[in-house]
Amino acid sequence: AACALGREESRGAHQRTDRPMTESGLDGLHAVVREGSPPSFELWR
């Protein structure tokens, strides 16, 4: 849920009515949650 709360765009099955556009700068990245840190985005390998 932390990644969903940190998402500021619509992407795939995760659609937001307040942010309907996709951010192309996040293409090829995936969300990562680590204890004690905010969600971050890392290169998908």
PDB file of N, CA and C in Angstrom:
ATOM      1  N   ALA A   1       0.815  -1.197   0.000  1.00  0.00           N
ATOM      2  CA  ALA A   1       0.000   0.000   0.000  1.00  0.00           C
ATOM      3  C   ALA A   1       0.856   1.257   0.000  1.00  0.00           C
ATOM      4  N   ALA A   2       2.067   1.193   0.565  1.00  0.00           N
ATOM      5  CA  ALA A   2       2.921   2.383   0.623  1.00  0.00           C
ATOM      6  C   ALA A   2       3.268   2.889  -0.770  1.00  0.00           C
ATOM      7  N   CYS A   3       3.520   1.985  -1.695  1.00  0.00           N
ATOM      8  CA  CYS A   3       3.826   2.399  -3.073  1.00  0.00           C
ATOM      9  C   CYS A   3       2.611   3.040  -3.726  1.00  0.00           C
ATOM     10  N   ALA A   4       1.454   2.488  -3.493  1.00  0.00           N
ATOM     11  CA  ALA A   4       0.232   3.057  -4.067  1.00  0.00           C
ATOM     12  C   ALA A   4      -0.008   4.464  -3.525  1.00  0.00           C
ATOM     13  N   LEU A   5       0.257   4.676  -2.252  1.00  0.00           N
ATOM     14  CA  LEU A   5       0.079   6.003  -1.669  1.00  0.00           C
ATOM     15  C   LEU A   5       1.102   6.991  -2.211  1.00  0.00           C
ATOM     16  N   GLY A   6       2.285   6.513  -2.560  1.00  0.00           N
ATOM     17  CA  GLY A   6       3.328   7.382  -3.095  1.00  0.00           C
ATOM     18  C   GLY A   6       3.185   7.669  -4.577  1.00  0.00           C
ATOM     19  N   ARG A   7       2.344   6.926  -5.257  1.00  0.00           N
ATOM     20  CA  ARG A   7       2.170   7.088  -6.703  1.00  0.00           C
ATOM     21  C   ARG A   7       1.486   8.414  -7.008  1.00  0.00           C
ATOM     22  N   GLU A   8       2.048   9.168  -7.945  1.00  0.00           N
ATOM     23  CA  GLU A   8       1.469  10.448  -8.353  1.00  0.00           C
ATOM     24  C   GLU A   8       1.111  10.441  -9.831  1.00  0.00           C
ATOM     25  N   GLU A   9       0.726   9.286 -10.359  1.00  0.00           N
ATOM     26  CA  GLU A   9       0.368   9.144 -11.767  1.00  0.00           C
ATOM     27  C   GLU A   9      -0.578   7.969 -11.928  1.00  0.00           C
ATOM     28  N   SER A  10      -1.140   7.837 -13.103  1.00  0.00           N
ATOM     29  CA  SER A  10      -1.909   6.648 -13.476  1.00  0.00           C
ATOM     30  C   SER A  10      -0.998   5.759 -14.308  1.00  0.00           C
ATOM     31  N   ARG A  11      -1.038   4.461 -14.045  1.00  0.00           N
ATOM     32  CA  ARG A  11      -0.191   3.529 -14.796  1.00  0.00           C
ATOM     33  C   ARG A  11      -0.820   2.151 -14.719  1.00  0.00           C
ATOM     34  N   GLY A  12      -1.014   1.533 -15.889  1.00  0.00           N
ATOM     35  CA  GLY A  12      -1.556   0.179 -15.941  1.00  0.00           C
ATOM     36  C   GLY A  12      -2.885   0.072 -15.218  1.00  0.00           C
ATOM     37  N   ALA A  13      -2.973  -0.872 -14.290  1.00  0.00           N
ATOM     38  CA  ALA A  13      -4.212  -1.087 -13.538  1.00  0.00           C
ATOM     39  C   ALA A  13      -4.388  -0.076 -12.409  1.00  0.00           C
ATOM     40  N   HIS A  14      -3.386   0.745 -12.162  1.00  0.00           N
ATOM     41  CA  HIS A  14      -3.429   1.729 -11.078  1.00  0.00           C
ATOM     42  C   HIS A  14      -3.819   3.084 -11.651  1.00  0.00           C
ATOM     43  N   GLN A  15      -5.107   3.376 -11.650  1.00  0.00           N
ATOM     44  CA  GLN A  15      -5.625   4.610 -12.231  1.00  0.00           C
ATOM     45  C   GLN A  15      -6.079   5.562 -11.135  1.00  0.00           C
ATOM     46  N   ARG A  16      -5.688   6.820 -11.261  1.00  0.00           N
ATOM     47  CA  ARG A  16      -6.106   7.864 -10.322  1.00  0.00           C
ATOM     48  C   ARG A  16      -6.961   8.874 -11.059  1.00  0.00           C
ATOM     49  N   THR A  17      -8.085   9.237 -10.475  1.00  0.00           N
ATOM     50  CA  THR A  17      -8.946  10.228 -11.120  1.00  0.00           C
ATOM     51  C   THR A  17      -8.344  11.628 -11.028  1.00  0.00           C
ATOM     52  N   ASP A  18      -7.539  11.889  -9.985  1.00  0.00           N
ATOM     53  CA  ASP A  18      -6.931  13.210  -9.825  1.00  0.00           C
ATOM     54  C   ASP A  18      -5.620  13.356 -10.593  1.00  0.00           C
ATOM     55  N   ARG A  19      -5.053  12.258 -11.070  1.00  0.00           N
ATOM     56  CA  ARG A  19      -3.806  12.277 -11.852  1.00  0.00           C
ATOM     57  C   ARG A  19      -3.938  11.284 -13.004  1.00  0.00           C
ATOM     58  N   PRO A  20      -4.686  11.631 -14.054  1.00  0.00           N
ATOM     59  CA  PRO A  20      -4.973  10.669 -15.123  1.00  0.00           C
ATOM     60  C   PRO A  20      -3.808  10.394 -16.077  1.00  0.00           C
ATOM     61  N   MET A  21      -2.770  11.213 -16.073  1.00  0.00           N
ATOM     62  CA  MET A  21      -1.674  11.047 -17.028  1.00  0.00           C
ATOM     63  C   MET A  21      -0.583  10.118 -16.478  1.00  0.00           C
ATOM     64  N   THR A  22       0.185   9.532 -17.403  1.00  0.00           N
ATOM     65  CA  THR A  22       1.336   8.704 -17.058  1.00  0.00           C
ATOM     66  C   THR A  22       2.598   9.545 -17.167  1.00  0.00           C
ATOM     67  N   GLU A  23       3.515   9.421 -16.219  1.00  0.00           N
ATOM     68  CA  GLU A  23       4.783  10.141 -16.253  1.00  0.00           C
ATOM     69  C   GLU A  23       5.816   9.289 -16.989  1.00  0.00           C
ATOM     70  N   SER A  24       6.230   9.725 -18.166  1.00  0.00           N
ATOM     71  CA  SER A  24       7.163   8.934 -18.977  1.00  0.00           C
ATOM     72  C   SER A  24       8.527   8.778 -18.302  1.00  0.00           C
ATOM     73  N   GLY A  25       8.880   9.662 -17.383  1.00  0.00           N
ATOM     74  CA  GLY A  25      10.148   9.557 -16.673  1.00  0.00           C
ATOM     75  C   GLY A  25      10.233   8.340 -15.763  1.00  0.00           C
ATOM     76  N   LEU A  26       9.094   7.709 -15.492  1.00  0.00           N
ATOM     77  CA  LEU A  26       9.081   6.522 -14.639  1.00  0.00           C
ATOM     78  C   LEU A  26       9.030   5.228 -15.448  1.00  0.00           C
ATOM     79  N   ASP A  27       9.032   5.326 -16.784  1.00  0.00           N
ATOM     80  CA  ASP A  27       9.040   4.118 -17.622  1.00  0.00           C
ATOM     81  C   ASP A  27      10.290   3.297 -17.320  1.00  0.00           C
ATOM     82  N   GLY A  28      10.140   1.999 -17.153  1.00  0.00           N
ATOM     83  CA  GLY A  28      11.269   1.113 -16.891  1.00  0.00           C
ATOM     84  C   GLY A  28      11.709   1.074 -15.439  1.00  0.00           C
ATOM     85  N   LEU A  29      10.969   1.736 -14.553  1.00  0.00           N
ATOM     86  CA  LEU A  29      11.301   1.741 -13.132  1.00  0.00           C
ATOM     87  C   LEU A  29      10.232   0.999 -12.352  1.00  0.00           C
ATOM     88  N   HIS A  30      10.600   0.507 -11.192  1.00  0.00           N
ATOM     89  CA  HIS A  30       9.606  -0.099 -10.308  1.00  0.00           C
ATOM     90  C   HIS A  30       9.743   0.510  -8.924  1.00  0.00           C
ATOM     91  N   ALA A  31       8.638   0.514  -8.196  1.00  0.00           N
ATOM     92  CA  ALA A  31       8.604   1.116  -6.866  1.00  0.00           C
ATOM     93  C   ALA A  31       9.194   0.148  -5.846  1.00  0.00           C
ATOM     94  N   VAL A  32       9.975   0.710  -4.922  1.00  0.00           N
ATOM     95  CA  VAL A  32      10.626  -0.085  -3.882  1.00  0.00           C
ATOM     96  C   VAL A  32      10.316   0.552  -2.531  1.00  0.00           C
ATOM     97  N   VAL A  33       9.947  -0.284  -1.562  1.00  0.00           N
ATOM     98  CA  VAL A  33       9.686   0.194  -0.205  1.00  0.00           C
ATOM     99  C   VAL A  33      10.664  -0.498   0.730  1.00  0.00           C
ATOM    100  N   ARG A  34      11.388   0.311   1.486  1.00  0.00           N
ATOM    101  CA  ARG A  34      12.309  -0.215   2.494  1.00  0.00           C
ATOM    102  C   ARG A  34      11.916   0.382   3.841  1.00  0.00           C
ATOM    103  N   GLU A  35      12.003  -0.430   4.871  1.00  0.00           N
ATOM    104  CA  GLU A  35      11.618   0.016   6.207  1.00  0.00           C
ATOM    105  C   GLU A  35      12.384   1.277   6.587  1.00  0.00           C
ATOM    106  N   GLY A  36      11.654   2.270   7.058  1.00  0.00           N
ATOM    107  CA  GLY A  36      12.264   3.513   7.507  1.00  0.00           C
ATOM    108  C   GLY A  36      12.564   4.511   6.404  1.00  0.00           C
ATOM    109  N   SER A  37      12.209   4.188   5.157  1.00  0.00           N
ATOM    110  CA  SER A  37      12.470   5.083   4.028  1.00  0.00           C
ATOM    111  C   SER A  37      11.199   5.279   3.223  1.00  0.00           C
ATOM    112  N   PRO A  38      11.081   6.431   2.567  1.00  0.00           N
ATOM    113  CA  PRO A  38       9.913   6.626   1.704  1.00  0.00           C
ATOM    114  C   PRO A  38      10.030   5.753   0.459  1.00  0.00           C
ATOM    115  N   PRO A  39       8.933   5.493  -0.233  1.00  0.00           N
ATOM    116  CA  PRO A  39       9.005   4.714  -1.472  1.00  0.00           C
ATOM    117  C   PRO A  39       9.962   5.373  -2.462  1.00  0.00           C
ATOM    118  N   SER A  40      10.711   4.555  -3.197  1.00  0.00           N
ATOM    119  CA  SER A  40      11.623   5.070  -4.218  1.00  0.00           C
ATOM    120  C   SER A  40      11.405   4.281  -5.503  1.00  0.00           C
ATOM    121  N   PHE A  41      12.011   4.735  -6.581  1.00  0.00           N
ATOM    122  CA  PHE A  41      11.876   4.076  -7.875  1.00  0.00           C
ATOM    123  C   PHE A  41      13.253   3.674  -8.366  1.00  0.00           C
ATOM    124  N   GLU A  42      13.397   2.407  -8.777  1.00  0.00           N
ATOM    125  CA  GLU A  42      14.675   1.874  -9.239  1.00  0.00           C
ATOM    126  C   GLU A  42      14.513   1.247 -10.611  1.00  0.00           C
ATOM    127  N   LEU A  43      15.607   1.191 -11.348  1.00  0.00           N
ATOM    128  CA  LEU A  43      15.612   0.615 -12.685  1.00  0.00           C
ATOM    129  C   LEU A  43      15.180  -0.840 -12.643  1.00  0.00           C
ATOM    130  N   TRP A  44      14.244  -1.197 -13.506  1.00  0.00           N
ATOM    131  CA  TRP A  44      13.752  -2.574 -13.612  1.00  0.00           C
ATOM    132  C   TRP A  44      14.751  -3.372 -14.423  1.00  0.00           C
ATOM    133  N   ARG A  45      15.270  -4.468 -13.871  1.00  0.00           N
ATOM    134  CA  ARG A  45      16.277  -5.287 -14.579  1.00  0.00           C
ATOM    135  C   ARG A  45      15.757  -6.655 -14.842  1.00  0.00           C
TER     136      ARG A  45
END
